[in-house]
Amino acid sequence: MGTVIVVTSGKGGTGKTSLTAGVASCLAALGRRVLCIDMDVGLRNLDIALGMTDCALMDFTDVLSGRCPLERAAAPHPELVGLWLLTAPVRPDGAPDAAAMADLVSRARERYDYILMDSPAGVGGGFRLAAGSADRAIVVSTSDASSLRDAQRAVAELPLEQIQLVVNRVQPRLLRRLRATIDDAMDAAGLPLLGVVPEDERVMLAANRGVPLILDCRGKGAALAYLNIAKRLEGLRVPVMRLR
């Protein structure tokens, strides 16, 4: 049975969608079958981060309504074997049914090793819909105080026991000027650390080229951080990246 992970954040701008795409790509590169579900109705961007713009013709509401089976709605990645995307609808058309979503996720567990659900930022309906079917959560935050405070709010609303923190878009020079550390961020969020990802302009460059970061830039920066996080999800012991 597959593992369902909701990737969420207390506010926008943390790089949550890029992280979802990066970690999913790395899990697929490690030989796992991975389904990404974009839960951000009306503001979907996961297809861009995955390099799958215009690949997905159906969205998850087509599956929920019975218009299309999951196997046909989930679009395979054109280059990364083992990676699929189930996108969100362009326009909201009423609140998706929680029971139907739970059934969709249950069926996905039988076909995929990992299901990564890219939750909308904040703690609204989309957040609750995604979290309700998950086994574990990744809370994505930057190192600034407002982002960490909003991460705390998201944690308080998550009905899950296994919740881990990723500190994203880290700028070591800024941390030094603030006299802050990653440990401070962990204490502020009240969560164990899953990974640290540096600020990396290659994330945006790869997305604009329509290429997953792992194919565009291997072995350094954010790409390496995503790979390390994927390996930790697999249960491997990997040191946290040292940023300088």
Protein backbone atom coordinates (compact mmCIF):
# COMPACT_ATOMS: atom_id res chain seq x y z
CA MET A 1 0.00 0.00 0.00
CA GLY A 2 1.28 3.45 -0.89
CA THR A 3 2.12 6.23 1.55
CA VAL A 4 0.12 9.45 1.30
CA ILE A 5 1.97 12.64 2.16
CA VAL A 6 0.38 16.07 2.31
CA VAL A 7 2.82 18.91 1.61
CA THR A 8 1.57 22.12 3.15
CA SER A 9 2.56 25.54 4.46
CA GLY A 10 1.03 28.18 6.64
CA LYS A 11 1.42 30.88 3.99
CA GLY A 12 2.27 31.31 0.33
CA GLY A 13 5.75 31.99 -1.02
CA THR A 14 7.53 29.20 0.85
CA GLY A 15 8.31 27.20 -2.30
CA LYS A 16 5.95 24.38 -1.29
CA THR A 17 4.96 23.45 -4.85
CA SER A 18 8.55 23.44 -6.09
CA LEU A 19 9.50 21.21 -3.18
CA THR A 20 6.62 18.81 -3.91
CA ALA A 21 7.73 18.54 -7.53
CA GLY A 22 11.40 18.17 -6.63
CA VAL A 23 10.91 15.46 -4.02
CA ALA A 24 8.41 13.57 -6.20
CA SER A 25 10.84 13.64 -9.13
CA CYS A 26 13.62 12.28 -6.94
CA LEU A 27 11.44 9.47 -5.56
CA ALA A 28 10.61 8.48 -9.14
CA ALA A 29 14.32 8.62 -10.03
CA LEU A 30 14.95 6.25 -7.11
CA GLY A 31 12.64 3.73 -8.76
CA ARG A 32 9.36 4.42 -6.97
CA ARG A 33 5.93 4.87 -8.51
CA VAL A 34 4.81 8.35 -7.53
CA LEU A 35 1.53 10.20 -8.03
CA CYS A 36 1.42 13.96 -7.49
CA ILE A 37 -2.01 15.44 -6.80
CA ASP A 38 -2.40 19.20 -7.13
CA MET A 39 -5.04 20.21 -4.59
CA ASP A 40 -4.88 23.95 -5.27
CA VAL A 41 -8.17 24.47 -7.12
CA GLY A 42 -8.07 27.52 -9.37
CA LEU A 43 -4.42 28.30 -8.65
CA ARG A 44 -2.70 25.13 -9.80
CA ASN A 45 1.00 25.35 -10.60
CA LEU A 46 2.34 21.88 -9.90
CA ASP A 47 2.26 21.03 -13.61
CA ILE A 48 4.70 23.89 -14.28
CA ALA A 49 7.08 22.81 -11.53
CA LEU A 50 7.04 19.25 -12.88
CA GLY A 51 7.57 20.30 -16.49
CA MET A 52 4.14 18.91 -17.41
CA THR A 53 2.27 21.94 -18.72
CA ASP A 54 -0.58 20.76 -20.98
CA CYS A 55 0.14 17.08 -20.23
CA ALA A 56 -2.87 16.56 -17.97
CA LEU A 57 -6.19 16.70 -19.82
CA MET A 58 -8.35 15.54 -16.88
CA ASP A 59 -8.37 16.77 -13.28
CA PHE A 60 -9.24 15.17 -9.97
CA THR A 61 -12.87 16.32 -10.13
CA ASP A 62 -13.28 14.19 -13.27
CA VAL A 63 -12.33 11.18 -11.15
CA LEU A 64 -14.49 12.23 -8.18
CA SER A 65 -17.56 12.60 -10.41
CA GLY A 66 -16.96 9.30 -12.20
CA ARG A 67 -16.36 10.92 -15.59
CA CYS A 68 -12.92 9.35 -15.85
CA PRO A 69 -11.06 6.57 -14.02
CA LEU A 70 -7.94 7.43 -12.03
CA GLU A 71 -5.74 5.42 -14.39
CA ARG A 72 -6.71 7.64 -17.33
CA ALA A 73 -6.82 10.96 -15.49
CA ALA A 74 -3.30 10.59 -14.02
CA ALA A 75 -0.92 11.85 -16.71
CA PRO A 76 2.50 10.15 -16.99
CA HIS A 77 5.58 12.34 -17.04
CA PRO A 78 7.06 12.56 -20.56
CA GLU A 79 10.62 11.96 -19.32
CA LEU A 80 10.62 10.61 -15.77
CA VAL A 81 9.45 7.01 -15.67
CA GLY A 82 7.40 6.31 -12.57
CA LEU A 83 5.97 9.81 -12.11
CA TRP A 84 2.34 10.81 -12.69
CA LEU A 85 0.31 13.98 -12.17
CA LEU A 86 -3.34 14.36 -11.25
CA THR A 87 -4.02 18.05 -11.60
CA ALA A 88 -6.59 20.37 -10.00
CA PRO A 89 -9.45 21.98 -11.90
CA VAL A 90 -8.90 25.45 -13.36
CA ARG A 91 -12.08 26.80 -11.77
CA PRO A 92 -13.77 25.89 -8.50
CA ASP A 93 -17.12 24.18 -9.02
CA GLY A 94 -18.35 23.65 -5.50
CA ALA A 95 -16.49 22.00 -2.66
CA PRO A 96 -15.10 18.54 -3.55
CA ASP A 97 -16.67 15.73 -1.57
CA ALA A 98 -14.37 14.51 1.22
CA ALA A 99 -15.65 10.92 1.07
CA ALA A 100 -15.11 10.75 -2.69
CA MET A 101 -11.59 12.15 -2.29
CA ALA A 102 -10.82 9.57 0.39
CA ASP A 103 -12.00 6.85 -2.01
CA LEU A 104 -9.79 8.26 -4.79
CA VAL A 105 -6.76 8.25 -2.49
CA SER A 106 -7.56 4.72 -1.34
CA ARG A 107 -7.50 3.55 -4.96
CA ALA A 108 -4.25 5.44 -5.56
CA ARG A 109 -2.60 3.61 -2.65
CA GLU A 110 -3.02 0.36 -4.58
CA ARG A 111 -1.22 1.69 -7.67
CA TYR A 112 1.54 3.94 -6.36
CA ASP A 113 4.28 3.79 -3.72
CA TYR A 114 3.87 7.45 -2.83
CA ILE A 115 1.04 9.92 -3.28
CA LEU A 116 2.19 13.51 -2.71
CA MET A 117 -0.68 15.97 -2.27
CA ASP A 118 0.29 19.60 -2.88
CA SER A 119 -2.06 21.40 -0.50
CA PRO A 120 -3.07 25.04 -0.93
CA ALA A 121 -1.27 27.38 1.45
CA GLY A 122 -3.17 28.26 4.60
CA VAL A 123 -5.74 26.23 6.51
CA GLY A 124 -8.82 26.47 4.29
CA GLY A 125 -11.00 23.84 2.68
CA GLY A 126 -8.36 22.53 0.27
CA PHE A 127 -5.91 22.10 3.13
CA ARG A 128 -8.44 20.10 5.15
CA LEU A 129 -9.41 17.99 2.14
CA ALA A 130 -5.79 17.02 1.49
CA ALA A 131 -4.88 16.45 5.13
CA GLY A 132 -7.91 14.28 5.76
CA SER A 133 -6.58 11.46 3.55
CA ALA A 134 -2.88 11.68 4.43
CA ASP A 135 -0.65 9.41 6.51
CA ARG A 136 1.97 12.05 7.22
CA ALA A 137 2.68 15.71 6.53
CA ILE A 138 5.58 17.86 5.39
CA VAL A 139 5.25 21.46 6.55
CA VAL A 140 7.29 23.82 4.39
CA SER A 141 8.49 27.11 5.84
CA THR A 142 11.14 29.68 5.18
CA SER A 143 13.31 30.82 8.08
CA ASP A 144 11.55 34.16 8.66
CA ALA A 145 9.46 34.67 11.78
CA SER A 146 6.12 35.23 10.02
CA SER A 147 6.45 32.07 7.94
CA LEU A 148 7.33 30.01 11.02
CA ARG A 149 4.37 31.43 12.95
CA ASP A 150 2.01 30.49 10.13
CA ALA A 151 3.63 27.03 10.02
CA GLN A 152 2.69 26.61 13.68
CA ARG A 153 -0.92 27.40 12.79
CA ALA A 154 -0.91 24.76 10.05
CA VAL A 155 0.55 22.19 12.44
CA ALA A 156 -2.20 22.87 14.97
CA GLU A 157 -4.83 22.11 12.31
CA LEU A 158 -3.27 18.89 11.01
CA PRO A 159 -5.05 15.72 12.19
CA LEU A 160 -1.83 13.69 11.91
CA GLU A 161 0.85 12.37 14.23
CA GLN A 162 3.78 12.22 11.81
CA ILE A 163 4.59 15.81 10.84
CA GLN A 164 8.02 17.03 9.77
CA LEU A 165 9.51 20.38 8.82
CA VAL A 166 11.39 21.42 5.72
CA VAL A 167 13.11 24.80 5.96
CA ASN A 168 13.10 26.00 2.37
CA ARG A 169 14.75 28.83 0.43
CA VAL A 170 17.45 29.21 3.09
CA GLN A 171 19.94 32.04 2.63
CA PRO A 172 22.94 31.35 4.90
CA ARG A 173 24.22 34.92 4.72
CA LEU A 174 20.85 36.26 5.86
CA LEU A 175 20.71 33.74 8.71
CA ARG A 176 24.11 34.90 9.91
CA ARG A 177 23.01 38.54 9.83
CA LEU A 178 19.94 37.63 11.86
CA ARG A 179 22.09 35.54 14.20
CA ALA A 180 19.65 32.70 13.64
CA THR A 181 20.08 28.96 12.99
CA ILE A 182 18.06 26.08 11.57
CA ASP A 183 17.66 24.85 15.16
CA ASP A 184 15.89 28.12 15.93
CA ALA A 185 13.48 27.44 13.06
CA MET A 186 12.80 23.93 14.37
CA ASP A 187 12.11 25.29 17.84
CA ALA A 188 9.80 27.98 16.47
CA ALA A 189 7.78 25.50 14.38
CA GLY A 190 7.88 22.82 17.07
CA LEU A 191 8.69 20.10 14.55
CA PRO A 192 11.44 17.58 13.78
CA LEU A 193 13.51 18.46 10.73
CA LEU A 194 13.15 16.51 7.49
CA GLY A 195 15.40 18.69 5.38
CA VAL A 196 16.96 22.03 4.54
CA VAL A 197 16.83 23.47 1.02
CA PRO A 198 18.95 26.45 -0.07
CA GLU A 199 17.63 29.38 -2.06
CA ASP A 200 18.52 28.41 -5.62
CA GLU A 201 17.73 30.39 -8.77
CA ARG A 202 17.96 27.17 -10.78
CA VAL A 203 14.57 26.11 -9.35
CA MET A 204 12.86 28.97 -11.19
CA LEU A 205 15.02 28.57 -14.28
CA ALA A 206 14.17 24.88 -14.60
CA ALA A 207 10.44 25.53 -14.14
CA ASN A 208 10.48 28.19 -16.84
CA ARG A 209 12.28 25.80 -19.17
CA GLY A 210 9.65 23.16 -18.47
CA VAL A 211 12.22 20.70 -17.12
CA PRO A 212 12.21 19.03 -13.68
CA LEU A 213 15.13 20.33 -11.63
CA ILE A 214 16.62 16.87 -11.17
CA LEU A 215 17.02 16.60 -14.97
CA ASP A 216 18.30 20.14 -15.35
CA CYS A 217 20.72 20.27 -12.44
CA ARG A 218 21.99 17.15 -10.71
CA GLY A 219 24.06 16.88 -7.59
CA LYS A 220 24.04 20.44 -6.29
CA GLY A 221 21.96 23.09 -4.56
CA ALA A 222 18.22 22.52 -4.25
CA ALA A 223 18.35 19.41 -6.49
CA LEU A 224 20.65 17.66 -4.02
CA ALA A 225 18.51 18.79 -1.09
CA TYR A 226 15.39 17.34 -2.73
CA LEU A 227 17.20 14.05 -3.31
CA ASN A 228 18.30 13.91 0.32
CA ILE A 229 14.72 14.45 1.48
CA ALA A 230 13.47 11.71 -0.85
CA LYS A 231 16.06 9.32 0.57
CA ARG A 232 14.98 10.14 4.13
CA LEU A 233 11.38 9.41 3.20
CA GLU A 234 12.67 6.04 2.01
CA GLY A 235 14.12 5.46 5.48
CA LEU A 236 17.76 6.07 4.59
CA ARG A 237 20.06 7.92 6.95
CA VAL A 238 21.33 10.97 5.07
CA PRO A 239 23.10 13.90 6.75
CA VAL A 240 21.35 17.28 6.62
CA MET A 241 22.90 19.50 3.98
CA ARG A 242 25.41 21.98 5.38
CA LEU A 243 24.83 25.43 3.95
CA ARG A 244 27.58 28.03 3.79
